[in-house]
PDB file of N, CA and C in Angstrom:
ATOM      1  N   SER A   1     134.170 113.471  64.931  1.00  0.00           N
ATOM      2  CA  SER A   1     133.817 112.732  63.739  1.00  0.00           C
ATOM      3  C   SER A   1     134.766 113.104  62.622  1.00  0.00           C
ATOM      4  N   SER A   2     134.847 112.240  61.654  1.00  0.00           N
ATOM      5  CA  SER A   2     135.852 112.438  60.628  1.00  0.00           C
ATOM      6  C   SER A   2     135.357 111.959  59.280  1.00  0.00           C
ATOM      7  N   VAL A   3     136.106 112.307  58.263  1.00  0.00           N
ATOM      8  CA  VAL A   3     135.914 111.778  56.923  1.00  0.00           C
ATOM      9  C   VAL A   3     137.099 110.864  56.654  1.00  0.00           C
ATOM     10  N   ASP A   4     136.821 109.623  56.322  1.00  0.00           N
ATOM     11  CA  ASP A   4     137.877 108.672  56.022  1.00  0.00           C
ATOM     12  C   ASP A   4     138.198 108.726  54.536  1.00  0.00           C
ATOM     13  N   PHE A   5     139.473 108.632  54.217  1.00  0.00           N
ATOM     14  CA  PHE A   5     139.908 108.537  52.835  1.00  0.00           C
ATOM     15  C   PHE A   5     140.334 107.094  52.598  1.00  0.00           C
ATOM     16  N   VAL A   6     139.577 106.403  51.780  1.00  0.00           N
ATOM     17  CA  VAL A   6     139.784 104.979  51.527  1.00  0.00           C
ATOM     18  C   VAL A   6     140.498 104.830  50.189  1.00  0.00           C
ATOM     19  N   PRO A   7     141.646 104.154  50.157  1.00  0.00           N
ATOM     20  CA  PRO A   7     142.374 103.993  48.886  1.00  0.00           C
ATOM     21  C   PRO A   7     141.519 103.263  47.850  1.00  0.00           C
ATOM     22  N   THR A   8     141.647 103.670  46.605  1.00  0.00           N
ATOM     23  CA  THR A   8     140.909 103.006  45.527  1.00  0.00           C
ATOM     24  C   THR A   8     141.584 101.726  45.073  1.00  0.00           C
ATOM     25  N   GLU A   9     142.836 101.541  45.478  1.00  0.00           N
ATOM     26  CA  GLU A   9     143.559 100.318  45.129  1.00  0.00           C
ATOM     27  C   GLU A   9     144.217  99.777  46.385  1.00  0.00           C
ATOM     28  N   PHE A  10     144.016  98.494  46.652  1.00  0.00           N
ATOM     29  CA  PHE A  10     144.595  97.874  47.834  1.00  0.00           C
ATOM     30  C   PHE A  10     145.845  97.091  47.457  1.00  0.00           C
ATOM     31  N   GLY A  11     146.715  96.893  48.426  1.00  0.00           N
ATOM     32  CA  GLY A  11     147.933  96.143  48.188  1.00  0.00           C
ATOM     33  C   GLY A  11     149.095  97.007  47.728  1.00  0.00           C
ATOM     34  N   VAL A  12     148.872  98.325  47.698  1.00  0.00           N
ATOM     35  CA  VAL A  12     149.955  99.250  47.353  1.00  0.00           C
ATOM     36  C   VAL A  12     150.071 100.278  48.469  1.00  0.00           C
ATOM     37  N   SER A  13     151.178 100.987  48.512  1.00  0.00           N
ATOM     38  CA  SER A  13     151.351 102.008  49.546  1.00  0.00           C
ATOM     39  C   SER A  13     150.427 103.192  49.279  1.00  0.00           C
ATOM     40  N   LEU A  14     150.252 104.033  50.295  1.00  0.00           N
ATOM     41  CA  LEU A  14     149.420 105.216  50.116  1.00  0.00           C
ATOM     42  C   LEU A  14     149.969 106.118  49.028  1.00  0.00           C
ATOM     43  N   ALA A  15     151.277 106.187  48.904  1.00  0.00           N
ATOM     44  CA  ALA A  15     151.884 107.019  47.872  1.00  0.00           C
ATOM     45  C   ALA A  15     151.613 106.471  46.473  1.00  0.00           C
ATOM     46  N   GLU A  16     151.418 105.165  46.358  1.00  0.00           N
ATOM     47  CA  GLU A  16     151.226 104.544  45.050  1.00  0.00           C
ATOM     48  C   GLU A  16     149.775 104.410  44.639  1.00  0.00           C
ATOM     49  N   THR A  17     148.824 104.580  45.561  1.00  0.00           N
ATOM     50  CA  THR A  17     147.420 104.412  45.196  1.00  0.00           C
ATOM     51  C   THR A  17     146.999 105.539  44.255  1.00  0.00           C
ATOM     52  N   PRO A  18     146.209 105.218  43.242  1.00  0.00           N
ATOM     53  CA  PRO A  18     145.836 106.252  42.269  1.00  0.00           C
ATOM     54  C   PRO A  18     144.832 107.272  42.812  1.00  0.00           C
ATOM     55  N   GLY A  19     144.146 106.963  43.885  1.00  0.00           N
ATOM     56  CA  GLY A  19     143.171 107.914  44.419  1.00  0.00           C
ATOM     57  C   GLY A  19     142.538 107.412  45.694  1.00  0.00           C
ATOM     58  N   PHE A  20     141.649 108.234  46.233  1.00  0.00           N
ATOM     59  CA  PHE A  20     140.964 107.923  47.479  1.00  0.00           C
ATOM     60  C   PHE A  20     139.479 108.237  47.338  1.00  0.00           C
ATOM     61  N   LEU A  21     138.649 107.454  48.019  1.00  0.00           N
ATOM     62  CA  LEU A  21     137.223 107.736  48.131  1.00  0.00           C
ATOM     63  C   LEU A  21     136.967 108.351  49.497  1.00  0.00           C
ATOM     64  N   LYS A  22     136.068 109.324  49.561  1.00  0.00           N
ATOM     65  CA  LYS A  22     135.694 109.924  50.841  1.00  0.00           C
ATOM     66  C   LYS A  22     134.526 109.138  51.419  1.00  0.00           C
ATOM     67  N   ALA A  23     134.619 108.803  52.707  1.00  0.00           N
ATOM     68  CA  ALA A  23     133.558 108.040  53.375  1.00  0.00           C
ATOM     69  C   ALA A  23     133.351 108.595  54.772  1.00  0.00           C
ATOM     70  N   PRO A  24     132.098 108.567  55.260  1.00  0.00           N
ATOM     71  CA  PRO A  24     131.885 109.032  56.629  1.00  0.00           C
ATOM     72  C   PRO A  24     132.660 108.161  57.599  1.00  0.00           C
ATOM     73  N   GLY A  25     133.313 108.796  58.560  1.00  0.00           N
ATOM     74  CA  GLY A  25     134.126 108.062  59.512  1.00  0.00           C
ATOM     75  C   GLY A  25     133.677 108.302  60.937  1.00  0.00           C
ATOM     76  N   SER A  26     134.239 107.596  61.831  1.00  0.00           N
ATOM     77  CA  SER A  26     134.030 107.600  63.275  1.00  0.00           C
ATOM     78  C   SER A  26     132.825 106.760  63.661  1.00  0.00           C
ATOM     79  N   ALA A  27     132.938 106.157  64.820  1.00  0.00           N
ATOM     80  CA  ALA A  27     131.874 105.275  65.303  1.00  0.00           C
ATOM     81  C   ALA A  27     130.535 105.989  65.448  1.00  0.00           C
ATOM     82  N   PRO A  28     130.459 107.195  66.043  1.00  0.00           N
ATOM     83  CA  PRO A  28     129.140 107.833  66.201  1.00  0.00           C
ATOM     84  C   PRO A  28     128.426 108.066  64.868  1.00  0.00           C
ATOM     85  N   VAL A  29     129.155 108.513  63.858  1.00  0.00           N
ATOM     86  CA  VAL A  29     128.539 108.755  62.554  1.00  0.00           C
ATOM     87  C   VAL A  29     128.091 107.447  61.922  1.00  0.00           C
ATOM     88  N   ASN A  30     128.950 106.440  61.936  1.00  0.00           N
ATOM     89  CA  ASN A  30     128.606 105.167  61.314  1.00  0.00           C
ATOM     90  C   ASN A  30     127.457 104.473  62.027  1.00  0.00           C
ATOM     91  N   ILE A  31     127.400 104.572  63.337  1.00  0.00           N
ATOM     92  CA  ILE A  31     126.290 103.963  64.081  1.00  0.00           C
ATOM     93  C   ILE A  31     124.994 104.696  63.777  1.00  0.00           C
ATOM     94  N   ALA A  32     125.021 106.030  63.749  1.00  0.00           N
ATOM     95  CA  ALA A  32     123.806 106.800  63.440  1.00  0.00           C
ATOM     96  C   ALA A  32     123.272 106.437  62.055  1.00  0.00           C
ATOM     97  N   ILE A  33     124.163 106.317  61.074  1.00  0.00           N
ATOM     98  CA  ILE A  33     123.741 105.946  59.724  1.00  0.00           C
ATOM     99  C   ILE A  33     123.212 104.518  59.693  1.00  0.00           C
ATOM    100  N   ALA A  34     123.884 103.595  60.370  1.00  0.00           N
ATOM    101  CA  ALA A  34     123.435 102.197  60.395  1.00  0.00           C
ATOM    102  C   ALA A  34     122.064 102.071  61.033  1.00  0.00           C
ATOM    103  N   VAL A  35     121.840 102.773  62.139  1.00  0.00           N
ATOM    104  CA  VAL A  35     120.534 102.727  62.812  1.00  0.00           C
ATOM    105  C   VAL A  35     119.452 103.241  61.873  1.00  0.00           C
ATOM    106  N   SER A  36     119.733 104.333  61.171  1.00  0.00           N
ATOM    107  CA  SER A  36     118.768 104.883  60.229  1.00  0.00           C
ATOM    108  C   SER A  36     118.477 103.912  59.089  1.00  0.00           C
ATOM    109  N   ARG A  37     119.511 103.287  58.570  1.00  0.00           N
ATOM    110  CA  ARG A  37     119.325 102.320  57.474  1.00  0.00           C
ATOM    111  C   ARG A  37     118.539 101.096  57.912  1.00  0.00           C
ATOM    112  N   LEU A  38     118.581 100.793  59.211  1.00  0.00           N
ATOM    113  CA  LEU A  38     117.813  99.663  59.745  1.00  0.00           C
ATOM    114  C   LEU A  38     116.372 100.048  60.048  1.00  0.00           C
ATOM    115  N   GLY A  39     115.992 101.277  59.697  1.00  0.00           N
ATOM    116  CA  GLY A  39     114.606 101.694  59.845  1.00  0.00           C
ATOM    117  C   GLY A  39     114.264 102.337  61.171  1.00  0.00           C
ATOM    118  N   ARG A  40     115.237 102.639  61.976  1.00  0.00           N
ATOM    119  CA  ARG A  40     115.008 103.290  63.266  1.00  0.00           C
ATOM    120  C   ARG A  40     115.353 104.773  63.160  1.00  0.00           C
ATOM    121  N   ARG A  41     114.815 105.558  64.067  1.00  0.00           N
ATOM    122  CA  ARG A  41     115.137 106.979  64.104  1.00  0.00           C
ATOM    123  C   ARG A  41     116.503 107.172  64.739  1.00  0.00           C
ATOM    124  N   SER A  42     117.298 108.029  64.139  1.00  0.00           N
ATOM    125  CA  SER A  42     118.602 108.330  64.719  1.00  0.00           C
ATOM    126  C   SER A  42     118.919 109.806  64.491  1.00  0.00           C
ATOM    127  N   ALA A  43     119.809 110.306  65.325  1.00  0.00           N
ATOM    128  CA  ALA A  43     120.226 111.697  65.226  1.00  0.00           C
ATOM    129  C   ALA A  43     121.703 111.778  65.563  1.00  0.00           C
ATOM    130  N   PHE A  44     122.345 112.789  65.028  1.00  0.00           N
ATOM    131  CA  PHE A  44     123.726 113.078  65.391  1.00  0.00           C
ATOM    132  C   PHE A  44     123.726 114.340  66.235  1.00  0.00           C
ATOM    133  N   VAL A  45     124.264 114.237  67.442  1.00  0.00           N
ATOM    134  CA  VAL A  45     124.387 115.382  68.335  1.00  0.00           C
ATOM    135  C   VAL A  45     125.866 115.562  68.606  1.00  0.00           C
ATOM    136  N   GLY A  46     126.419 116.629  68.087  1.00  0.00           N
ATOM    137  CA  GLY A  46     127.840 116.854  68.269  1.00  0.00           C
ATOM    138  C   GLY A  46     128.313 118.012  67.435  1.00  0.00           C
ATOM    139  N   LYS A  47     129.613 118.134  67.339  1.00  0.00           N
ATOM    140  CA  LYS A  47     130.232 119.264  66.653  1.00  0.00           C
ATOM    141  C   LYS A  47     131.070 118.751  65.496  1.00  0.00           C
ATOM    142  N   LEU A  48     130.911 119.392  64.351  1.00  0.00           N
ATOM    143  CA  LEU A  48     131.689 119.060  63.166  1.00  0.00           C
ATOM    144  C   LEU A  48     132.544 120.256  62.791  1.00  0.00           C
ATOM    145  N   GLY A  49     133.628 120.005  62.101  1.00  0.00           N
ATOM    146  CA  GLY A  49     134.510 121.087  61.678  1.00  0.00           C
ATOM    147  C   GLY A  49     133.816 122.009  60.696  1.00  0.00           C
ATOM    148  N   GLY A  50     133.723 123.269  61.045  1.00  0.00           N
ATOM    149  CA  GLY A  50     133.106 124.248  60.170  1.00  0.00           C
ATOM    150  C   GLY A  50     134.118 125.039  59.382  1.00  0.00           C
ATOM    151  N   ASP A  51     135.389 124.737  59.579  1.00  0.00           N
ATOM    152  CA  ASP A  51     136.457 125.504  58.946  1.00  0.00           C
ATOM    153  C   ASP A  51     136.834 124.972  57.578  1.00  0.00           C
ATOM    154  N   ASN A  52     136.251 123.856  57.176  1.00  0.00           N
ATOM    155  CA  ASN A  52     136.556 123.291  55.868  1.00  0.00           C
ATOM    156  C   ASN A  52     135.320 122.604  55.309  1.00  0.00           C
ATOM    157  N   GLU A  53     135.403 122.178  54.092  1.00  0.00           N
ATOM    158  CA  GLU A  53     134.246 121.563  53.427  1.00  0.00           C
ATOM    159  C   GLU A  53     133.913 120.176  53.966  1.00  0.00           C
ATOM    160  N   PHE A  54     134.847 119.523  54.639  1.00  0.00           N
ATOM    161  CA  PHE A  54     134.606 118.160  55.069  1.00  0.00           C
ATOM    162  C   PHE A  54     133.526 118.074  56.148  1.00  0.00           C
ATOM    163  N   GLY A  55     133.507 119.006  57.083  1.00  0.00           N
ATOM    164  CA  GLY A  55     132.462 119.001  58.097  1.00  0.00           C
ATOM    165  C   GLY A  55     131.087 119.147  57.477  1.00  0.00           C
ATOM    166  N   HIS A  56     130.959 120.030  56.511  1.00  0.00           N
ATOM    167  CA  HIS A  56     129.675 120.231  55.832  1.00  0.00           C
ATOM    168  C   HIS A  56     129.328 119.026  54.960  1.00  0.00           C
ATOM    169  N   MET A  57     130.340 118.418  54.355  1.00  0.00           N
ATOM    170  CA  MET A  57     130.102 117.212  53.574  1.00  0.00           C
ATOM    171  C   MET A  57     129.597 116.079  54.473  1.00  0.00           C
ATOM    172  N   LEU A  58     130.193 115.948  55.661  1.00  0.00           N
ATOM    173  CA  LEU A  58     129.778 114.921  56.599  1.00  0.00           C
ATOM    174  C   LEU A  58     128.337 115.151  57.051  1.00  0.00           C
ATOM    175  N   ALA A  59     127.978 116.405  57.321  1.00  0.00           N
ATOM    176  CA  ALA A  59     126.594 116.723  57.691  1.00  0.00           C
ATOM    177  C   ALA A  59     125.643 116.338  56.560  1.00  0.00           C
ATOM    178  N   GLY A  60     126.051 116.595  55.318  1.00  0.00           N
ATOM    179  CA  GLY A  60     125.228 116.213  54.175  1.00  0.00           C
ATOM    180  C   GLY A  60     125.070 114.709  54.055  1.00  0.00           C
ATOM    181  N   MET A  61     126.133 113.964  54.342  1.00  0.00           N
ATOM    182  CA  MET A  61     126.055 112.499  54.308  1.00  0.00           C
ATOM    183  C   MET A  61     125.077 111.990  55.366  1.00  0.00           C
ATOM    184  N   LEU A  62     125.112 112.607  56.548  1.00  0.00           N
ATOM    185  CA  LEU A  62     124.180 112.214  57.605  1.00  0.00           C
ATOM    186  C   LEU A  62     122.741 112.455  57.150  1.00  0.00           C
ATOM    187  N   ARG A  63     122.469 113.654  56.634  1.00  0.00           N
ATOM    188  CA  ARG A  63     121.112 113.983  56.165  1.00  0.00           C
ATOM    189  C   ARG A  63     120.679 113.042  55.052  1.00  0.00           C
ATOM    190  N   LYS A  64     121.564 112.791  54.101  1.00  0.00           N
ATOM    191  CA  LYS A  64     121.250 111.916  52.969  1.00  0.00           C
ATOM    192  C   LYS A  64     120.868 110.515  53.437  1.00  0.00           C
ATOM    193  N   ASN A  65     121.420 110.095  54.569  1.00  0.00           N
ATOM    194  CA  ASN A  65     121.135 108.767  55.107  1.00  0.00           C
ATOM    195  C   ASN A  65     120.035 108.777  56.157  1.00  0.00           C
ATOM    196  N   GLY A  66     119.273 109.865  56.235  1.00  0.00           N
ATOM    197  CA  GLY A  66     118.105 109.905  57.105  1.00  0.00           C
ATOM    198  C   GLY A  66     118.387 110.177  58.565  1.00  0.00           C
ATOM    199  N   VAL A  67     119.572 110.669  58.885  1.00  0.00           N
ATOM    200  CA  VAL A  67     119.935 110.972  60.271  1.00  0.00           C
ATOM    201  C   VAL A  67     119.522 112.418  60.567  1.00  0.00           C
ATOM    202  N   ALA A  68     118.771 112.616  61.644  1.00  0.00           N
ATOM    203  CA  ALA A  68     118.351 113.966  62.037  1.00  0.00           C
ATOM    204  C   ALA A  68     119.575 114.808  62.348  1.00  0.00           C
ATOM    205  N   ASP A  69     119.542 116.055  61.878  1.00  0.00           N
ATOM    206  CA  ASP A  69     120.727 116.900  61.995  1.00  0.00           C
ATOM    207  C   ASP A  69     120.536 118.126  62.883  1.00  0.00           C
ATOM    208  N   GLU A  70     119.449 118.185  63.618  1.00  0.00           N
ATOM    209  CA  GLU A  70     119.207 119.348  64.471  1.00  0.00           C
ATOM    210  C   GLU A  70     120.252 119.513  65.567  1.00  0.00           C
ATOM    211  N   GLY A  71     120.956 118.465  65.917  1.00  0.00           N
ATOM    212  CA  GLY A  71     121.957 118.531  66.978  1.00  0.00           C
ATOM    213  C   GLY A  71     123.364 118.822  66.494  1.00  0.00           C
ATOM    214  N   ILE A  72     123.527 119.114  65.195  1.00  0.00           N
ATOM    215  CA  ILE A  72     124.862 119.380  64.659  1.00  0.00           C
ATOM    216  C   ILE A  72     125.238 120.836  64.890  1.00  0.00           C
ATOM    217  N   ASN A  73     126.428 121.040  65.412  1.00  0.00           N
ATOM    218  CA  ASN A  73     127.039 122.362  65.538  1.00  0.00           C
ATOM    219  C   ASN A  73     128.325 122.345  64.732  1.00  0.00           C
ATOM    220  N   PHE A  74     128.702 123.500  64.216  1.00  0.00           N
ATOM    221  CA  PHE A  74     129.939 123.623  63.453  1.00  0.00           C
ATOM    222  C   PHE A  74     130.911 124.526  64.192  1.00  0.00           C
ATOM    223  N   ASP A  75     132.156 124.114  64.240  1.00  0.00           N
ATOM    224  CA  ASP A  75     133.187 124.891  64.914  1.00  0.00           C
ATOM    225  C   ASP A  75     134.534 124.254  64.589  1.00  0.00           C
ATOM    226  N   GLY A  76     135.588 124.852  65.050  1.00  0.00           N
ATOM    227  CA  GLY A  76     136.892 124.209  64.995  1.00  0.00           C
ATOM    228  C   GLY A  76     137.806 124.781  63.949  1.00  0.00           C
ATOM    229  N   ASP A  77     139.072 124.592  64.192  1.00  0.00           N
ATOM    230  CA  ASP A  77     140.077 125.070  63.249  1.00  0.00           C
ATOM    231  C   ASP A  77     141.200 124.061  63.079  1.00  0.00           C
ATOM    232  N   ARG A  78     140.888 122.779  63.294  1.00  0.00           N
ATOM    233  CA  ARG A  78     141.926 121.759  63.207  1.00  0.00           C
ATOM    234  C   ARG A  78     141.557 120.711  62.184  1.00  0.00           C
ATOM    235  N   GLU A  79     142.549 120.131  61.575  1.00  0.00           N
ATOM    236  CA  GLU A  79     142.382 118.981  60.705  1.00  0.00           C
ATOM    237  C   GLU A  79     143.333 117.898  61.189  1.00  0.00           C
ATOM    238  N   PHE A  80     142.921 116.659  61.079  1.00  0.00           N
ATOM    239  CA  PHE A  80     143.732 115.533  61.531  1.00  0.00           C
ATOM    240  C   PHE A  80     143.951 114.575  60.386  1.00  0.00           C
ATOM    241  N   MET A  81     145.051 113.872  60.434  1.00  0.00           N
ATOM    242  CA  MET A  81     145.319 112.798  59.487  1.00  0.00           C
ATOM    243  C   MET A  81     145.788 111.596  60.291  1.00  0.00           C
ATOM    244  N   PHE A  82     145.088 110.482  60.140  1.00  0.00           N
ATOM    245  CA  PHE A  82     145.456 109.258  60.841  1.00  0.00           C
ATOM    246  C   PHE A  82     145.835 108.213  59.813  1.00  0.00           C
ATOM    247  N   TYR A  83     146.833 107.435  60.133  1.00  0.00           N
ATOM    248  CA  TYR A  83     147.196 106.308  59.297  1.00  0.00           C
ATOM    249  C   TYR A  83     147.556 105.164  60.228  1.00  0.00           C
ATOM    250  N   GLN A  84     146.842 104.075  60.075  1.00  0.00           N
ATOM    251  CA  GLN A  84     147.119 102.896  60.899  1.00  0.00           C
ATOM    252  C   GLN A  84     147.212 101.703  59.963  1.00  0.00           C
ATOM    253  N   ASN A  85     148.303 100.995  60.052  1.00  0.00           N
ATOM    254  CA  ASN A  85     148.445  99.818  59.219  1.00  0.00           C
ATOM    255  C   ASN A  85     149.156  98.736  60.002  1.00  0.00           C
ATOM    256  N   PRO A  86     148.499  97.680  60.404  1.00  0.00           N
ATOM    257  CA  PRO A  86     147.058  97.481  60.240  1.00  0.00           C
ATOM    258  C   PRO A  86     146.303  98.155  61.375  1.00  0.00           C
ATOM    259  N   SER A  87     145.067  98.503  61.122  1.00  0.00           N
ATOM    260  CA  SER A  87     144.259  99.093  62.182  1.00  0.00           C
ATOM    261  C   SER A  87     143.694  97.976  63.050  1.00  0.00           C
ATOM    262  N   VAL A  88     143.316  98.336  64.250  1.00  0.00           N
ATOM    263  CA  VAL A  88     142.850  97.353  65.230  1.00  0.00           C
ATOM    264  C   VAL A  88     141.659  96.542  64.701  1.00  0.00           C
ATOM    265  N   ASP A  89     140.725  97.186  63.986  1.00  0.00           N
ATOM    266  CA  ASP A  89     139.567  96.442  63.499  1.00  0.00           C
ATOM    267  C   ASP A  89     139.956  95.373  62.485  1.00  0.00           C
ATOM    268  N   MET A  90     141.115  95.527  61.845  1.00  0.00           N
ATOM    269  CA  MET A  90     141.582  94.523  60.904  1.00  0.00           C
ATOM    270  C   MET A  90     142.178  93.308  61.620  1.00  0.00           C
ATOM    271  N   LEU A  91     142.445  93.443  62.898  1.00  0.00           N
ATOM    272  CA  LEU A  91     143.063  92.369  63.666  1.00  0.00           C
ATOM    273  C   LEU A  91     142.051  91.500  64.402  1.00  0.00           C
ATOM    274  N   LEU A  92     140.765  91.802  64.282  1.00  0.00           N
ATOM    275  CA  LEU A  92     139.719  91.025  64.954  1.00  0.00           C
ATOM    276  C   LEU A  92     139.501  89.715  64.207  1.00  0.00           C
ATOM    277  N   HIS A  93     139.530  88.608  64.949  1.00  0.00           N
ATOM    278  CA  HIS A  93     139.357  87.285  64.360  1.00  0.00           C
ATOM    279  C   HIS A  93     137.993  86.723  64.749  1.00  0.00           C
ATOM    280  N   PRO A  94     137.380  85.905  63.897  1.00  0.00           N
ATOM    281  CA  PRO A  94     136.048  85.356  64.190  1.00  0.00           C
ATOM    282  C   PRO A  94     135.963  84.635  65.535  1.00  0.00           C
ATOM    283  N   ASP A  95     137.017  83.957  65.952  1.00  0.00           N
ATOM    284  CA  ASP A  95     136.963  83.227  67.222  1.00  0.00           C
ATOM    285  C   ASP A  95     136.998  84.167  68.428  1.00  0.00           C
ATOM    286  N   GLU A  96     137.225  85.460  68.223  1.00  0.00           N
ATOM    287  CA  GLU A  96     137.218  86.432  69.308  1.00  0.00           C
ATOM    288  C   GLU A  96     135.838  87.057  69.524  1.00  0.00           C
ATOM    289  N   LEU A  97     134.894  86.772  68.645  1.00  0.00           N
ATOM    290  CA  LEU A  97     133.568  87.381  68.738  1.00  0.00           C
ATOM    291  C   LEU A  97     132.716  86.692  69.793  1.00  0.00           C
ATOM    292  N   ASN A  98     132.031  87.485  70.601  1.00  0.00           N
ATOM    293  CA  ASN A  98     131.087  86.961  71.569  1.00  0.00           C
ATOM    294  C   ASN A  98     129.713  86.943  70.920  1.00  0.00           C
ATOM    295  N   LEU A  99     129.242  85.769  70.555  1.00  0.00           N
ATOM    296  CA  LEU A  99     127.957  85.641  69.875  1.00  0.00           C
ATOM    297  C   LEU A  99     126.827  85.251  70.821  1.00  0.00           C
ATOM    298  N   GLU A 100     127.070  85.301  72.120  1.00  0.00           N
ATOM    299  CA  GLU A 100     126.075  84.919  73.121  1.00  0.00           C
ATOM    300  C   GLU A 100     125.320  86.134  73.653  1.00  0.00           C
ATOM    301  N   PHE A 101     124.794  86.955  72.774  1.00  0.00           N
ATOM    302  CA  PHE A 101     124.037  88.131  73.189  1.00  0.00           C
ATOM    303  C   PHE A 101     122.631  87.749  73.600  1.00  0.00           C
ATOM    304  N   ASN A 102     122.037  88.548  74.477  1.00  0.00           N
ATOM    305  CA  ASN A 102     120.641  88.387  74.849  1.00  0.00           C
ATOM    306  C   ASN A 102     119.821  89.334  73.998  1.00  0.00           C
ATOM    307  N   PHE A 103     119.271  88.819  72.912  1.00  0.00           N
ATOM    308  CA  PHE A 103     118.493  89.655  72.003  1.00  0.00           C
ATOM    309  C   PHE A 103     117.027  89.749  72.423  1.00  0.00           C
ATOM    310  N   ASP A 104     116.652  89.126  73.555  1.00  0.00           N
ATOM    311  CA  ASP A 104     115.272  89.154  74.002  1.00  0.00           C
ATOM    312  C   ASP A 104     114.868  90.486  74.617  1.00  0.00           C
ATOM    313  N   SER A 105     115.843  91.317  74.978  1.00  0.00           N
ATOM    314  CA  SER A 105     115.558  92.609  75.603  1.00  0.00           C
ATOM    315  C   SER A 105     115.910  93.735  74.633  1.00  0.00           C
ATOM    316  N   PRO A 106     114.898  94.195  73.850  1.00  0.00           N
ATOM    317  CA  PRO A 106     115.197  95.262  72.895  1.00  0.00           C
ATOM    318  C   PRO A 106     115.567  96.558  73.598  1.00  0.00           C
ATOM    319  N   MET A 107     116.471  97.290  72.976  1.00  0.00           N
ATOM    320  CA  MET A 107     116.891  98.565  73.529  1.00  0.00           C
ATOM    321  C   MET A 107     115.937  99.645  73.051  1.00  0.00           C
ATOM    322  N   ASP A 108     115.551 100.537  73.924  1.00  0.00           N
ATOM    323  CA  ASP A 108     114.757 101.705  73.532  1.00  0.00           C
ATOM    324  C   ASP A 108     115.700 102.836  73.221  1.00  0.00           C
ATOM    325  N   LEU A 109     115.615 103.330  71.990  1.00  0.00           N
ATOM    326  CA  LEU A 109     116.474 104.429  71.582  1.00  0.00           C
ATOM    327  C   LEU A 109     115.717 105.708  71.580  1.00  0.00           C
TER     328      LEU A 109
END
């Protein structure tokens, strides 16, 4: 899991943006928060970086959004920086979406 740094100004390079906002990142974290916001019980089970403040900040974001945190462990000594322009999710077009889901069978979480 990660903390995403989102530029405060779009249309300029990363070097030119005046600042960044911190946001919870990675699919597992975002899904756990989304499930909780939709009124369902969710938990995060995994390991967060304990070597810096970002792992603890991410755990706090999970708790603040109603995600159970009993499964969180802290460890690690690495930090990563990713930059993708454009990222794959920005390349998804509406005509590529499969909207023929079977919503009649609810999932038990």
